[in-house]
Amino acid sequence: MDILTDLNAVLTAVNVPFEIGYFGEEPPDEFVVIIPQADEFIYGDNTPNMDIRKVRLGVFSKIHPYTLRDNIVKELLAADFYIADRKYIGFEFETKYHQMLVDVEKGYEMAV
């Protein structure tokens, strides 16, 4: 498994469109942009035992930004994600979107 596969399942359950890096087509009233952040190993006996993968979710909404964010967070927690941070960035007057960020992490065991 990997974090993008797991995020696909979560965001599909919330019924919100998403893209990786940027939203390439005409965006709907609510969408998410997945921004990969880091991969880190946790070592034991000089061998990586766990791969911690980190991404940032840019949550954009013209409708109910907190409702969308809270639904995403609820599904993330149910799927064993760690929520590292949540921030309201602001309202973009040009695009009419509220923007929020959700930083998430998930650990994956290494097959050694």
C-alpha atoms as a PDB file:
ATOM      1  CA  MET A   1       0.000   0.000   0.000  1.00  0.00           C
ATOM      2  CA  ASP A   2       1.003   3.606  -0.342  1.00  0.00           C
ATOM      3  CA  ILE A   3      -0.312   6.911   0.903  1.00  0.00           C
ATOM      4  CA  LEU A   4      -1.803   7.991  -2.446  1.00  0.00           C
ATOM      5  CA  THR A   5      -3.838   4.792  -2.687  1.00  0.00           C
ATOM      6  CA  ASP A   6      -5.066   5.275   0.878  1.00  0.00           C
ATOM      7  CA  LEU A   7      -5.897   8.947   0.247  1.00  0.00           C
ATOM      8  CA  ASN A   8      -7.777   7.971  -2.904  1.00  0.00           C
ATOM      9  CA  ALA A   9     -10.047   5.741  -0.787  1.00  0.00           C
ATOM     10  CA  VAL A  10     -10.597   8.451   1.838  1.00  0.00           C
ATOM     11  CA  LEU A  11     -11.333  11.286  -0.586  1.00  0.00           C
ATOM     12  CA  THR A  12     -13.573   9.045  -2.698  1.00  0.00           C
ATOM     13  CA  ALA A  13     -15.557   8.198   0.473  1.00  0.00           C
ATOM     14  CA  VAL A  14     -15.980  11.929   1.165  1.00  0.00           C
ATOM     15  CA  ASN A  15     -17.020  12.372  -2.493  1.00  0.00           C
ATOM     16  CA  VAL A  16     -14.639  15.250  -3.187  1.00  0.00           C
ATOM     17  CA  PRO A  17     -12.610  15.572  -6.410  1.00  0.00           C
ATOM     18  CA  PHE A  18      -8.834  15.697  -5.990  1.00  0.00           C
ATOM     19  CA  GLU A  19      -5.612  15.993  -7.971  1.00  0.00           C
ATOM     20  CA  ILE A  20      -1.919  15.671  -7.133  1.00  0.00           C
ATOM     21  CA  GLY A  21       0.124  18.893  -7.290  1.00  0.00           C
ATOM     22  CA  TYR A  22      -2.526  21.148  -8.823  1.00  0.00           C
ATOM     23  CA  PHE A  23      -6.077  20.970 -10.105  1.00  0.00           C
ATOM     24  CA  GLY A  24      -5.584  20.922 -13.876  1.00  0.00           C
ATOM     25  CA  GLU A  25      -9.118  21.353 -15.160  1.00  0.00           C
ATOM     26  CA  GLU A  26     -11.899  23.790 -14.313  1.00  0.00           C
ATOM     27  CA  PRO A  27     -12.243  23.307 -10.550  1.00  0.00           C
ATOM     28  CA  PRO A  28     -15.616  22.511  -8.977  1.00  0.00           C
ATOM     29  CA  ASP A  29     -16.979  24.357  -5.943  1.00  0.00           C
ATOM     30  CA  GLU A  30     -15.067  21.996  -3.624  1.00  0.00           C
ATOM     31  CA  PHE A  31     -11.855  20.098  -4.302  1.00  0.00           C
ATOM     32  CA  VAL A  32      -8.594  18.918  -2.757  1.00  0.00           C
ATOM     33  CA  VAL A  33      -5.020  19.204  -3.995  1.00  0.00           C
ATOM     34  CA  ILE A  34      -2.565  16.605  -2.647  1.00  0.00           C
ATOM     35  CA  ILE A  35       0.972  17.941  -2.188  1.00  0.00           C
ATOM     36  CA  PRO A  36       3.592  15.286  -1.314  1.00  0.00           C
ATOM     37  CA  GLN A  37       5.877  16.517   1.490  1.00  0.00           C
ATOM     38  CA  ALA A  38       8.323  13.867   2.737  1.00  0.00           C
ATOM     39  CA  ASP A  39       9.153  10.214   3.242  1.00  0.00           C
ATOM     40  CA  GLU A  40      11.113   9.284   6.344  1.00  0.00           C
ATOM     41  CA  PHE A  41      12.457   5.969   7.571  1.00  0.00           C
ATOM     42  CA  ILE A  42      12.286   4.843  11.184  1.00  0.00           C
ATOM     43  CA  TYR A  43      15.212   2.562  11.905  1.00  0.00           C
ATOM     44  CA  GLY A  44      15.733  -0.388  14.235  1.00  0.00           C
ATOM     45  CA  ASP A  45      19.036  -2.290  14.314  1.00  0.00           C
ATOM     46  CA  ASN A  46      20.343  -0.086  11.454  1.00  0.00           C
ATOM     47  CA  THR A  47      17.506  -1.284   9.204  1.00  0.00           C
ATOM     48  CA  PRO A  48      14.490   0.759   8.121  1.00  0.00           C
ATOM     49  CA  ASN A  49      11.451  -0.808   9.793  1.00  0.00           C
ATOM     50  CA  MET A  50       8.846   1.826   8.973  1.00  0.00           C
ATOM     51  CA  ASP A  51       8.342   4.335   6.165  1.00  0.00           C
ATOM     52  CA  ILE A  52       6.506   7.471   7.315  1.00  0.00           C
ATOM     53  CA  ARG A  53       4.893   9.271   4.381  1.00  0.00           C
ATOM     54  CA  LYS A  54       3.718  12.867   4.698  1.00  0.00           C
ATOM     55  CA  VAL A  55       1.440  14.925   2.472  1.00  0.00           C
ATOM     56  CA  ARG A  56      -0.343  18.241   2.658  1.00  0.00           C
ATOM     57  CA  LEU A  57      -3.953  18.491   1.562  1.00  0.00           C
ATOM     58  CA  GLY A  58      -5.044  21.825   0.170  1.00  0.00           C
ATOM     59  CA  VAL A  59      -8.797  21.948   0.801  1.00  0.00           C
ATOM     60  CA  PHE A  60     -10.704  24.467  -1.324  1.00  0.00           C
ATOM     61  CA  SER A  61     -14.385  25.256  -0.905  1.00  0.00           C
ATOM     62  CA  LYS A  62     -16.874  27.881  -2.025  1.00  0.00           C
ATOM     63  CA  ILE A  63     -19.645  26.243   0.017  1.00  0.00           C
ATOM     64  CA  HIS A  64     -18.877  24.952   3.534  1.00  0.00           C
ATOM     65  CA  PRO A  65     -15.096  24.855   4.108  1.00  0.00           C
ATOM     66  CA  TYR A  66     -15.228  23.633   7.716  1.00  0.00           C
ATOM     67  CA  THR A  67     -17.780  20.926   6.929  1.00  0.00           C
ATOM     68  CA  LEU A  68     -15.643  19.614   4.074  1.00  0.00           C
ATOM     69  CA  ARG A  69     -12.457  19.747   6.135  1.00  0.00           C
ATOM     70  CA  ASP A  70     -14.085  18.035   9.118  1.00  0.00           C
ATOM     71  CA  ASN A  71     -15.521  15.258   6.922  1.00  0.00           C
ATOM     72  CA  ILE A  72     -12.085  14.673   5.405  1.00  0.00           C
ATOM     73  CA  VAL A  73     -10.403  14.641   8.836  1.00  0.00           C
ATOM     74  CA  LYS A  74     -13.001  12.206  10.196  1.00  0.00           C
ATOM     75  CA  GLU A  75     -12.348   9.773   7.318  1.00  0.00           C
ATOM     76  CA  LEU A  76      -8.576  10.209   7.622  1.00  0.00           C
ATOM     77  CA  LEU A  77      -8.648   9.343  11.309  1.00  0.00           C
ATOM     78  CA  ALA A  78     -10.853   6.313  10.635  1.00  0.00           C
ATOM     79  CA  ALA A  79      -8.256   5.161   8.066  1.00  0.00           C
ATOM     80  CA  ASP A  80      -5.414   5.400  10.642  1.00  0.00           C
ATOM     81  CA  PHE A  81      -3.858   8.611   9.365  1.00  0.00           C
ATOM     82  CA  TYR A  82      -2.097  10.959  11.782  1.00  0.00           C
ATOM     83  CA  ILE A  83      -3.227  14.588  11.498  1.00  0.00           C
ATOM     84  CA  ALA A  84      -0.113  16.710  12.040  1.00  0.00           C
ATOM     85  CA  ASP A  85      -1.714  20.130  11.488  1.00  0.00           C
ATOM     86  CA  ARG A  86      -4.859  21.921  10.315  1.00  0.00           C
ATOM     87  CA  LYS A  87      -4.923  25.571   9.264  1.00  0.00           C
ATOM     88  CA  TYR A  88      -7.373  28.008   7.773  1.00  0.00           C
ATOM     89  CA  ILE A  89      -5.358  29.953   5.212  1.00  0.00           C
ATOM     90  CA  GLY A  90      -8.014  32.429   4.180  1.00  0.00           C
ATOM     91  CA  PHE A  91     -10.512  33.497   1.592  1.00  0.00           C
ATOM     92  CA  GLU A  92      -9.246  34.155  -1.928  1.00  0.00           C
ATOM     93  CA  PHE A  93     -11.234  37.087  -3.293  1.00  0.00           C
ATOM     94  CA  GLU A  94     -10.241  36.453  -6.922  1.00  0.00           C
ATOM     95  CA  THR A  95     -11.335  32.797  -6.959  1.00  0.00           C
ATOM     96  CA  LYS A  96     -13.988  32.960  -4.187  1.00  0.00           C
ATOM     97  CA  TYR A  97     -12.514  29.878  -2.466  1.00  0.00           C
ATOM     98  CA  HIS A  98     -11.851  29.386   1.208  1.00  0.00           C
ATOM     99  CA  GLN A  99      -8.543  27.552   1.566  1.00  0.00           C
ATOM    100  CA  MET A 100      -7.506  25.214   4.366  1.00  0.00           C
ATOM    101  CA  LEU A 101      -4.494  22.970   4.823  1.00  0.00           C
ATOM    102  CA  VAL A 102      -4.452  19.554   6.458  1.00  0.00           C
ATOM    103  CA  ASP A 103      -1.046  17.934   7.005  1.00  0.00           C
ATOM    104  CA  VAL A 104      -1.299  14.161   7.266  1.00  0.00           C
ATOM    105  CA  GLU A 105       1.101  11.307   7.863  1.00  0.00           C
ATOM    106  CA  LYS A 106       0.856   7.552   7.710  1.00  0.00           C
ATOM    107  CA  GLY A 107       3.324   4.815   8.544  1.00  0.00           C
ATOM    108  CA  TYR A 108       3.941   1.754   6.394  1.00  0.00           C
ATOM    109  CA  GLU A 109       5.903  -1.284   7.549  1.00  0.00           C
ATOM    110  CA  MET A 110       8.965  -2.118   5.518  1.00  0.00           C
ATOM    111  CA  ALA A 111       9.342  -5.571   4.037  1.00  0.00           C
ATOM    112  CA  VAL A 112      12.908  -6.492   4.933  1.00  0.00           C
END
